[in-house]
Amino acid sequence: MIEVELFGEDLAPDSPSPDEVAELCGLAARSRGVEDGHVAVQYVSSSRIAELNARHRGKSEPTDVLSFRSTASRDSTGRAPRRRGSWAM
């Protein structure tokens, strides 16, 4: 199961419902062969996403979506971490 944390819904009143976001994240994960994990999704302002885009991609402008892969390493049994990454929109 993919656990989804959703933040900043008030910044995107016309966005999909939390259930729809969870379903879409699950579909995306399963398409990559991931059945279990945790994803954080955060809606941010245009100025905040421009700041993140500049810091992480060197582009001083807003963008639609930024994704960040988890930096957690595999556990002692070789299993991948539950935290799969974060998305900013």
PDB file of N, CA and C in Angstrom:
ATOM      1  N   MET A   1       0.834  -1.183   0.000  1.00  0.00           N
ATOM      2  CA  MET A   1       0.000   0.000   0.000  1.00  0.00           C
ATOM      3  C   MET A   1       0.877   1.244   0.000  1.00  0.00           C
ATOM      4  N   ILE A   2       0.490   2.225  -0.781  1.00  0.00           N
ATOM      5  CA  ILE A   2       1.192   3.500  -0.820  1.00  0.00           C
ATOM      6  C   ILE A   2       0.468   4.467   0.116  1.00  0.00           C
ATOM      7  N   GLU A   3       1.165   4.914   1.131  1.00  0.00           N
ATOM      8  CA  GLU A   3       0.633   5.902   2.066  1.00  0.00           C
ATOM      9  C   GLU A   3       0.976   7.287   1.522  1.00  0.00           C
ATOM     10  N   VAL A   4      -0.023   8.168   1.446  1.00  0.00           N
ATOM     11  CA  VAL A   4       0.173   9.503   0.886  1.00  0.00           C
ATOM     12  C   VAL A   4      -0.141  10.548   1.938  1.00  0.00           C
ATOM     13  N   GLU A   5       0.798  11.475   2.149  1.00  0.00           N
ATOM     14  CA  GLU A   5       0.575  12.639   3.005  1.00  0.00           C
ATOM     15  C   GLU A   5       0.368  13.827   2.095  1.00  0.00           C
ATOM     16  N   LEU A   6      -0.666  14.599   2.322  1.00  0.00           N
ATOM     17  CA  LEU A   6      -1.003  15.736   1.477  1.00  0.00           C
ATOM     18  C   LEU A   6      -0.965  17.007   2.321  1.00  0.00           C
ATOM     19  N   PHE A   7      -0.247  18.018   1.820  1.00  0.00           N
ATOM     20  CA  PHE A   7      -0.087  19.285   2.528  1.00  0.00           C
ATOM     21  C   PHE A   7      -0.459  20.445   1.601  1.00  0.00           C
ATOM     22  N   GLY A   8      -0.979  21.508   2.167  1.00  0.00           N
ATOM     23  CA  GLY A   8      -1.233  22.737   1.424  1.00  0.00           C
ATOM     24  C   GLY A   8      -2.444  22.724   0.524  1.00  0.00           C
ATOM     25  N   GLU A   9      -3.433  21.892   0.830  1.00  0.00           N
ATOM     26  CA  GLU A   9      -4.627  21.819  -0.022  1.00  0.00           C
ATOM     27  C   GLU A   9      -5.299  23.182  -0.188  1.00  0.00           C
ATOM     28  N   ASP A  10      -5.179  24.046   0.819  1.00  0.00           N
ATOM     29  CA  ASP A  10      -5.809  25.367   0.752  1.00  0.00           C
ATOM     30  C   ASP A  10      -5.192  26.232  -0.349  1.00  0.00           C
ATOM     31  N   LEU A  11      -3.978  25.897  -0.807  1.00  0.00           N
ATOM     32  CA  LEU A  11      -3.327  26.646  -1.882  1.00  0.00           C
ATOM     33  C   LEU A  11      -3.796  26.203  -3.271  1.00  0.00           C
ATOM     34  N   ALA A  12      -4.540  25.109  -3.321  1.00  0.00           N
ATOM     35  CA  ALA A  12      -5.011  24.572  -4.606  1.00  0.00           C
ATOM     36  C   ALA A  12      -6.456  24.111  -4.467  1.00  0.00           C
ATOM     37  N   PRO A  13      -7.386  25.062  -4.320  1.00  0.00           N
ATOM     38  CA  PRO A  13      -8.783  24.681  -4.060  1.00  0.00           C
ATOM     39  C   PRO A  13      -9.428  23.866  -5.183  1.00  0.00           C
ATOM     40  N   ASP A  14      -8.923  23.965  -6.402  1.00  0.00           N
ATOM     41  CA  ASP A  14      -9.495  23.215  -7.526  1.00  0.00           C
ATOM     42  C   ASP A  14      -8.748  21.922  -7.810  1.00  0.00           C
ATOM     43  N   SER A  15      -7.881  21.524  -6.887  1.00  0.00           N
ATOM     44  CA  SER A  15      -7.079  20.310  -7.083  1.00  0.00           C
ATOM     45  C   SER A  15      -7.928  19.057  -6.843  1.00  0.00           C
ATOM     46  N   PRO A  16      -7.421  17.905  -7.259  1.00  0.00           N
ATOM     47  CA  PRO A  16      -8.136  16.655  -6.976  1.00  0.00           C
ATOM     48  C   PRO A  16      -8.321  16.460  -5.472  1.00  0.00           C
ATOM     49  N   SER A  17      -9.323  15.696  -5.100  1.00  0.00           N
ATOM     50  CA  SER A  17      -9.574  15.409  -3.686  1.00  0.00           C
ATOM     51  C   SER A  17      -8.421  14.589  -3.114  1.00  0.00           C
ATOM     52  N   PRO A  18      -8.259  14.561  -1.796  1.00  0.00           N
ATOM     53  CA  PRO A  18      -7.208  13.728  -1.199  1.00  0.00           C
ATOM     54  C   PRO A  18      -7.299  12.257  -1.630  1.00  0.00           C
ATOM     55  N   ASP A  19      -8.510  11.727  -1.750  1.00  0.00           N
ATOM     56  CA  ASP A  19      -8.661  10.338  -2.207  1.00  0.00           C
ATOM     57  C   ASP A  19      -8.168  10.167  -3.639  1.00  0.00           C
ATOM     58  N   GLU A  20      -8.470  11.156  -4.488  1.00  0.00           N
ATOM     59  CA  GLU A  20      -8.012  11.082  -5.883  1.00  0.00           C
ATOM     60  C   GLU A  20      -6.488  11.186  -5.966  1.00  0.00           C
ATOM     61  N   VAL A  21      -5.893  12.054  -5.146  1.00  0.00           N
ATOM     62  CA  VAL A  21      -4.430  12.183  -5.120  1.00  0.00           C
ATOM     63  C   VAL A  21      -3.800  10.861  -4.688  1.00  0.00           C
ATOM     64  N   ALA A  22      -4.367  10.243  -3.655  1.00  0.00           N
ATOM     65  CA  ALA A  22      -3.846   8.949  -3.186  1.00  0.00           C
ATOM     66  C   ALA A  22      -3.960   7.892  -4.278  1.00  0.00           C
ATOM     67  N   GLU A  23      -5.082   7.882  -4.990  1.00  0.00           N
ATOM     68  CA  GLU A  23      -5.268   6.904  -6.070  1.00  0.00           C
ATOM     69  C   GLU A  23      -4.250   7.131  -7.189  1.00  0.00           C
ATOM     70  N   LEU A  24      -4.033   8.392  -7.572  1.00  0.00           N
ATOM     71  CA  LEU A  24      -3.074   8.706  -8.623  1.00  0.00           C
ATOM     72  C   LEU A  24      -1.645   8.345  -8.213  1.00  0.00           C
ATOM     73  N   CYS A  25      -1.300   8.619  -6.958  1.00  0.00           N
ATOM     74  CA  CYS A  25       0.036   8.252  -6.470  1.00  0.00           C
ATOM     75  C   CYS A  25       0.213   6.733  -6.481  1.00  0.00           C
ATOM     76  N   GLY A  26      -0.824   6.015  -6.081  1.00  0.00           N
ATOM     77  CA  GLY A  26      -0.772   4.556  -6.097  1.00  0.00           C
ATOM     78  C   GLY A  26      -0.603   4.010  -7.508  1.00  0.00           C
ATOM     79  N   LEU A  27      -1.333   4.583  -8.463  1.00  0.00           N
ATOM     80  CA  LEU A  27      -1.197   4.163  -9.866  1.00  0.00           C
ATOM     81  C   LEU A  27       0.217   4.422 -10.378  1.00  0.00           C
ATOM     82  N   ALA A  28       0.745   5.599 -10.065  1.00  0.00           N
ATOM     83  CA  ALA A  28       2.110   5.929 -10.503  1.00  0.00           C
ATOM     84  C   ALA A  28       3.126   4.971  -9.892  1.00  0.00           C
ATOM     85  N   ALA A  29       2.981   4.692  -8.603  1.00  0.00           N
ATOM     86  CA  ALA A  29       3.916   3.784  -7.931  1.00  0.00           C
ATOM     87  C   ALA A  29       3.836   2.380  -8.514  1.00  0.00           C
ATOM     88  N   ARG A  30       2.621   1.870  -8.674  1.00  0.00           N
ATOM     89  CA  ARG A  30       2.460   0.514  -9.207  1.00  0.00           C
ATOM     90  C   ARG A  30       2.990   0.394 -10.636  1.00  0.00           C
ATOM     91  N   SER A  31       2.897   1.479 -11.406  1.00  0.00           N
ATOM     92  CA  SER A  31       3.417   1.436 -12.774  1.00  0.00           C
ATOM     93  C   SER A  31       4.933   1.265 -12.789  1.00  0.00           C
ATOM     94  N   ARG A  32       5.568   1.576 -11.660  1.00  0.00           N
ATOM     95  CA  ARG A  32       7.018   1.415 -11.518  1.00  0.00           C
ATOM     96  C   ARG A  32       7.373   0.187 -10.683  1.00  0.00           C
ATOM     97  N   GLY A  33       6.366  -0.632 -10.373  1.00  0.00           N
ATOM     98  CA  GLY A  33       6.611  -1.861  -9.620  1.00  0.00           C
ATOM     99  C   GLY A  33       6.715  -1.676  -8.123  1.00  0.00           C
ATOM    100  N   VAL A  34       6.264  -0.536  -7.624  1.00  0.00           N
ATOM    101  CA  VAL A  34       6.323  -0.246  -6.188  1.00  0.00           C
ATOM    102  C   VAL A  34       4.943  -0.495  -5.591  1.00  0.00           C
ATOM    103  N   GLU A  35       4.860  -1.399  -4.639  1.00  0.00           N
ATOM    104  CA  GLU A  35       3.579  -1.747  -4.016  1.00  0.00           C
ATOM    105  C   GLU A  35       3.429  -1.181  -2.606  1.00  0.00           C
ATOM    106  N   ASP A  36       4.534  -0.781  -1.986  1.00  0.00           N
ATOM    107  CA  ASP A  36       4.503  -0.351  -0.594  1.00  0.00           C
ATOM    108  C   ASP A  36       5.392   0.874  -0.440  1.00  0.00           C
ATOM    109  N   GLY A  37       4.935   1.856   0.322  1.00  0.00           N
ATOM    110  CA  GLY A  37       5.770   3.019   0.563  1.00  0.00           C
ATOM    111  C   GLY A  37       4.981   4.216   1.037  1.00  0.00           C
ATOM    112  N   HIS A  38       5.683   5.328   1.126  1.00  0.00           N
ATOM    113  CA  HIS A  38       5.137   6.580   1.630  1.00  0.00           C
ATOM    114  C   HIS A  38       5.570   7.696   0.688  1.00  0.00           C
ATOM    115  N   VAL A  39       4.621   8.555   0.315  1.00  0.00           N
ATOM    116  CA  VAL A  39       4.901   9.707  -0.537  1.00  0.00           C
ATOM    117  C   VAL A  39       4.283  10.934   0.110  1.00  0.00           C
ATOM    118  N   ALA A  40       5.019  12.047   0.104  1.00  0.00           N
ATOM    119  CA  ALA A  40       4.484  13.324   0.579  1.00  0.00           C
ATOM    120  C   ALA A  40       4.222  14.201  -0.638  1.00  0.00           C
ATOM    121  N   VAL A  41       3.026  14.778  -0.711  1.00  0.00           N
ATOM    122  CA  VAL A  41       2.640  15.685  -1.789  1.00  0.00           C
ATOM    123  C   VAL A  41       2.315  17.017  -1.138  1.00  0.00           C
ATOM    124  N   GLN A  42       2.926  18.093  -1.661  1.00  0.00           N
ATOM    125  CA  GLN A  42       2.680  19.411  -1.079  1.00  0.00           C
ATOM    126  C   GLN A  42       2.359  20.414  -2.182  1.00  0.00           C
ATOM    127  N   TYR A  43       1.231  21.090  -2.028  1.00  0.00           N
ATOM    128  CA  TYR A  43       0.903  22.205  -2.898  1.00  0.00           C
ATOM    129  C   TYR A  43       1.585  23.433  -2.317  1.00  0.00           C
ATOM    130  N   VAL A  44       2.250  24.208  -3.183  1.00  0.00           N
ATOM    131  CA  VAL A  44       2.973  25.396  -2.731  1.00  0.00           C
ATOM    132  C   VAL A  44       2.623  26.576  -3.629  1.00  0.00           C
ATOM    133  N   SER A  45       2.961  27.766  -3.178  1.00  0.00           N
ATOM    134  CA  SER A  45       2.713  28.979  -3.960  1.00  0.00           C
ATOM    135  C   SER A  45       3.684  29.052  -5.142  1.00  0.00           C
ATOM    136  N   SER A  46       3.367  29.903  -6.097  1.00  0.00           N
ATOM    137  CA  SER A  46       4.244  30.101  -7.256  1.00  0.00           C
ATOM    138  C   SER A  46       5.627  30.581  -6.830  1.00  0.00           C
ATOM    139  N   SER A  47       5.666  31.485  -5.849  1.00  0.00           N
ATOM    140  CA  SER A  47       6.976  31.987  -5.405  1.00  0.00           C
ATOM    141  C   SER A  47       7.787  30.890  -4.716  1.00  0.00           C
ATOM    142  N   ARG A  48       7.134  30.027  -3.955  1.00  0.00           N
ATOM    143  CA  ARG A  48       7.845  28.935  -3.276  1.00  0.00           C
ATOM    144  C   ARG A  48       8.364  27.910  -4.273  1.00  0.00           C
ATOM    145  N   ILE A  49       7.567  27.561  -5.277  1.00  0.00           N
ATOM    146  CA  ILE A  49       8.048  26.566  -6.235  1.00  0.00           C
ATOM    147  C   ILE A  49       9.157  27.162  -7.109  1.00  0.00           C
ATOM    148  N   ALA A  50       9.109  28.478  -7.371  1.00  0.00           N
ATOM    149  CA  ALA A  50      10.201  29.128  -8.105  1.00  0.00           C
ATOM    150  C   ALA A  50      11.490  29.067  -7.275  1.00  0.00           C
ATOM    151  N   GLU A  51      11.376  29.294  -5.967  1.00  0.00           N
ATOM    152  CA  GLU A  51      12.529  29.209  -5.068  1.00  0.00           C
ATOM    153  C   GLU A  51      13.116  27.790  -5.063  1.00  0.00           C
ATOM    154  N   LEU A  52      12.242  26.783  -4.951  1.00  0.00           N
ATOM    155  CA  LEU A  52      12.709  25.397  -4.967  1.00  0.00           C
ATOM    156  C   LEU A  52      13.322  25.029  -6.318  1.00  0.00           C
ATOM    157  N   ASN A  53      12.722  25.506  -7.402  1.00  0.00           N
ATOM    158  CA  ASN A  53      13.236  25.236  -8.738  1.00  0.00           C
ATOM    159  C   ASN A  53      14.630  25.843  -8.914  1.00  0.00           C
ATOM    160  N   ALA A  54      14.812  27.060  -8.402  1.00  0.00           N
ATOM    161  CA  ALA A  54      16.126  27.714  -8.481  1.00  0.00           C
ATOM    162  C   ALA A  54      17.163  26.957  -7.664  1.00  0.00           C
ATOM    163  N   ARG A  55      16.793  26.545  -6.472  1.00  0.00           N
ATOM    164  CA  ARG A  55      17.735  25.850  -5.584  1.00  0.00           C
ATOM    165  C   ARG A  55      18.132  24.480  -6.126  1.00  0.00           C
ATOM    166  N   HIS A  56      17.174  23.736  -6.648  1.00  0.00           N
ATOM    167  CA  HIS A  56      17.443  22.346  -7.014  1.00  0.00           C
ATOM    168  C   HIS A  56      17.719  22.123  -8.504  1.00  0.00           C
ATOM    169  N   ARG A  57      17.294  23.058  -9.346  1.00  0.00           N
ATOM    170  CA  ARG A  57      17.487  22.866 -10.786  1.00  0.00           C
ATOM    171  C   ARG A  57      18.200  24.031 -11.452  1.00  0.00           C
ATOM    172  N   GLY A  58      18.474  25.104 -10.678  1.00  0.00           N
ATOM    173  CA  GLY A  58      19.167  26.250 -11.245  1.00  0.00           C
ATOM    174  C   GLY A  58      18.315  27.076 -12.192  1.00  0.00           C
ATOM    175  N   LYS A  59      16.995  26.969 -12.106  1.00  0.00           N
ATOM    176  CA  LYS A  59      16.085  27.723 -12.969  1.00  0.00           C
ATOM    177  C   LYS A  59      15.231  28.640 -12.101  1.00  0.00           C
ATOM    178  N   SER A  60      15.425  29.944 -12.228  1.00  0.00           N
ATOM    179  CA  SER A  60      14.732  30.924 -11.385  1.00  0.00           C
ATOM    180  C   SER A  60      13.356  31.268 -11.945  1.00  0.00           C
ATOM    181  N   GLU A  61      12.496  30.261 -12.017  1.00  0.00           N
ATOM    182  CA  GLU A  61      11.137  30.469 -12.512  1.00  0.00           C
ATOM    183  C   GLU A  61      10.240  29.389 -11.923  1.00  0.00           C
ATOM    184  N   PRO A  62       8.934  29.655 -11.889  1.00  0.00           N
ATOM    185  CA  PRO A  62       8.019  28.626 -11.398  1.00  0.00           C
ATOM    186  C   PRO A  62       7.964  27.448 -12.369  1.00  0.00           C
ATOM    187  N   THR A  63       7.533  26.318 -11.890  1.00  0.00           N
ATOM    188  CA  THR A  63       7.303  25.129 -12.699  1.00  0.00           C
ATOM    189  C   THR A  63       6.054  24.446 -12.157  1.00  0.00           C
ATOM    190  N   ASP A  64       5.548  23.453 -12.846  1.00  0.00           N
ATOM    191  CA  ASP A  64       4.320  22.788 -12.405  1.00  0.00           C
ATOM    192  C   ASP A  64       4.554  21.822 -11.256  1.00  0.00           C
ATOM    193  N   VAL A  65       5.574  20.972 -11.390  1.00  0.00           N
ATOM    194  CA  VAL A  65       5.820  19.914 -10.405  1.00  0.00           C
ATOM    195  C   VAL A  65       7.308  19.714 -10.223  1.00  0.00           C
ATOM    196  N   LEU A  66       7.727  19.533  -8.991  1.00  0.00           N
ATOM    197  CA  LEU A  66       9.088  19.102  -8.667  1.00  0.00           C
ATOM    198  C   LEU A  66       8.966  17.807  -7.883  1.00  0.00           C
ATOM    199  N   SER A  67       9.834  16.871  -8.169  1.00  0.00           N
ATOM    200  CA  SER A  67       9.822  15.619  -7.406  1.00  0.00           C
ATOM    201  C   SER A  67      11.196  15.394  -6.813  1.00  0.00           C
ATOM    202  N   PHE A  68      11.221  14.828  -5.629  1.00  0.00           N
ATOM    203  CA  PHE A  68      12.456  14.587  -4.906  1.00  0.00           C
ATOM    204  C   PHE A  68      12.496  13.134  -4.463  1.00  0.00           C
ATOM    205  N   ARG A  69      13.487  12.413  -4.923  1.00  0.00           N
ATOM    206  CA  ARG A  69      13.658  11.016  -4.543  1.00  0.00           C
ATOM    207  C   ARG A  69      14.116  10.936  -3.088  1.00  0.00           C
ATOM    208  N   SER A  70      13.675   9.932  -2.410  1.00  0.00           N
ATOM    209  CA  SER A  70      14.108   9.705  -1.038  1.00  0.00           C
ATOM    210  C   SER A  70      15.595   9.389  -1.024  1.00  0.00           C
ATOM    211  N   THR A  71      16.277   9.898  -0.010  1.00  0.00           N
ATOM    212  CA  THR A  71      17.702   9.601   0.137  1.00  0.00           C
ATOM    213  C   THR A  71      17.942   8.480   1.149  1.00  0.00           C
ATOM    214  N   ALA A  72      16.861   7.907   1.666  1.00  0.00           N
ATOM    215  CA  ALA A  72      16.989   6.815   2.640  1.00  0.00           C
ATOM    216  C   ALA A  72      17.581   5.585   1.950  1.00  0.00           C
ATOM    217  N   SER A  73      18.401   4.856   2.679  1.00  0.00           N
ATOM    218  CA  SER A  73      19.031   3.666   2.102  1.00  0.00           C
ATOM    219  C   SER A  73      18.247   2.410   2.488  1.00  0.00           C
ATOM    220  N   ARG A  74      18.573   1.318   1.839  1.00  0.00           N
ATOM    221  CA  ARG A  74      17.921   0.037   2.131  1.00  0.00           C
ATOM    222  C   ARG A  74      18.247  -0.394   3.557  1.00  0.00           C
ATOM    223  N   ASP A  75      17.338  -1.154   4.161  1.00  0.00           N
ATOM    224  CA  ASP A  75      17.580  -1.626   5.526  1.00  0.00           C
ATOM    225  C   ASP A  75      18.507  -2.840   5.516  1.00  0.00           C
ATOM    226  N   SER A  76      18.750  -3.403   6.681  1.00  0.00           N
ATOM    227  CA  SER A  76      19.705  -4.509   6.805  1.00  0.00           C
ATOM    228  C   SER A  76      19.272  -5.774   6.069  1.00  0.00           C
ATOM    229  N   THR A  77      17.976  -5.869   5.726  1.00  0.00           N
ATOM    230  CA  THR A  77      17.505  -7.039   4.973  1.00  0.00           C
ATOM    231  C   THR A  77      17.520  -6.780   3.471  1.00  0.00           C
ATOM    232  N   GLY A  78      17.922  -5.557   3.077  1.00  0.00           N
ATOM    233  CA  GLY A  78      17.971  -5.214   1.660  1.00  0.00           C
ATOM    234  C   GLY A  78      16.684  -4.624   1.123  1.00  0.00           C
ATOM    235  N   ARG A  79      15.694  -4.426   2.007  1.00  0.00           N
ATOM    236  CA  ARG A  79      14.416  -3.851   1.563  1.00  0.00           C
ATOM    237  C   ARG A  79      14.544  -2.350   1.366  1.00  0.00           C
ATOM    238  N   ALA A  80      13.828  -1.857   0.368  1.00  0.00           N
ATOM    239  CA  ALA A  80      13.808  -0.426   0.087  1.00  0.00           C
ATOM    240  C   ALA A  80      13.076   0.306   1.205  1.00  0.00           C
ATOM    241  N   PRO A  81      13.404   1.573   1.427  1.00  0.00           N
ATOM    242  CA  PRO A  81      12.716   2.343   2.473  1.00  0.00           C
ATOM    243  C   PRO A  81      11.261   2.584   2.106  1.00  0.00           C
ATOM    244  N   ARG A  82      10.407   2.738   3.126  1.00  0.00           N
ATOM    245  CA  ARG A  82       8.994   3.049   2.862  1.00  0.00           C
ATOM    246  C   ARG A  82       8.860   4.437   2.254  1.00  0.00           C
ATOM    247  N   ARG A  83       9.661   5.373   2.725  1.00  0.00           N
ATOM    248  CA  ARG A  83       9.571   6.740   2.179  1.00  0.00           C
ATOM    249  C   ARG A  83      10.166   6.731   0.778  1.00  0.00           C
ATOM    250  N   ARG A  84       9.322   6.994  -0.203  1.00  0.00           N
ATOM    251  CA  ARG A  84       9.750   6.928  -1.598  1.00  0.00           C
ATOM    252  C   ARG A  84      10.152   8.283  -2.147  1.00  0.00           C
ATOM    253  N   GLY A  85       9.647   9.378  -1.566  1.00  0.00           N
ATOM    254  CA  GLY A  85      10.007  10.687  -2.044  1.00  0.00           C
ATOM    255  C   GLY A  85       8.937  11.711  -1.766  1.00  0.00           C
ATOM    256  N   SER A  86       9.138  12.908  -2.337  1.00  0.00           N
ATOM    257  CA  SER A  86       8.211  14.016  -2.124  1.00  0.00           C
ATOM    258  C   SER A  86       7.960  14.719  -3.447  1.00  0.00           C
ATOM    259  N   TRP A  87       6.769  15.270  -3.597  1.00  0.00           N
ATOM    260  CA  TRP A  87       6.397  16.052  -4.762  1.00  0.00           C
ATOM    261  C   TRP A  87       5.916  17.409  -4.301  1.00  0.00           C
ATOM    262  N   ALA A  88       6.349  18.454  -4.993  1.00  0.00           N
ATOM    263  CA  ALA A  88       5.837  19.809  -4.737  1.00  0.00           C
ATOM    264  C   ALA A  88       5.131  20.258  -6.001  1.00  0.00           C
ATOM    265  N   MET A  89       3.921  20.799  -5.821  1.00  0.00           N
ATOM    266  CA  MET A  89       3.144  21.267  -6.971  1.00  0.00           C
ATOM    267  C   MET A  89       2.639  22.669  -6.688  1.00  0.00           C
TER     268      MET A  89
END
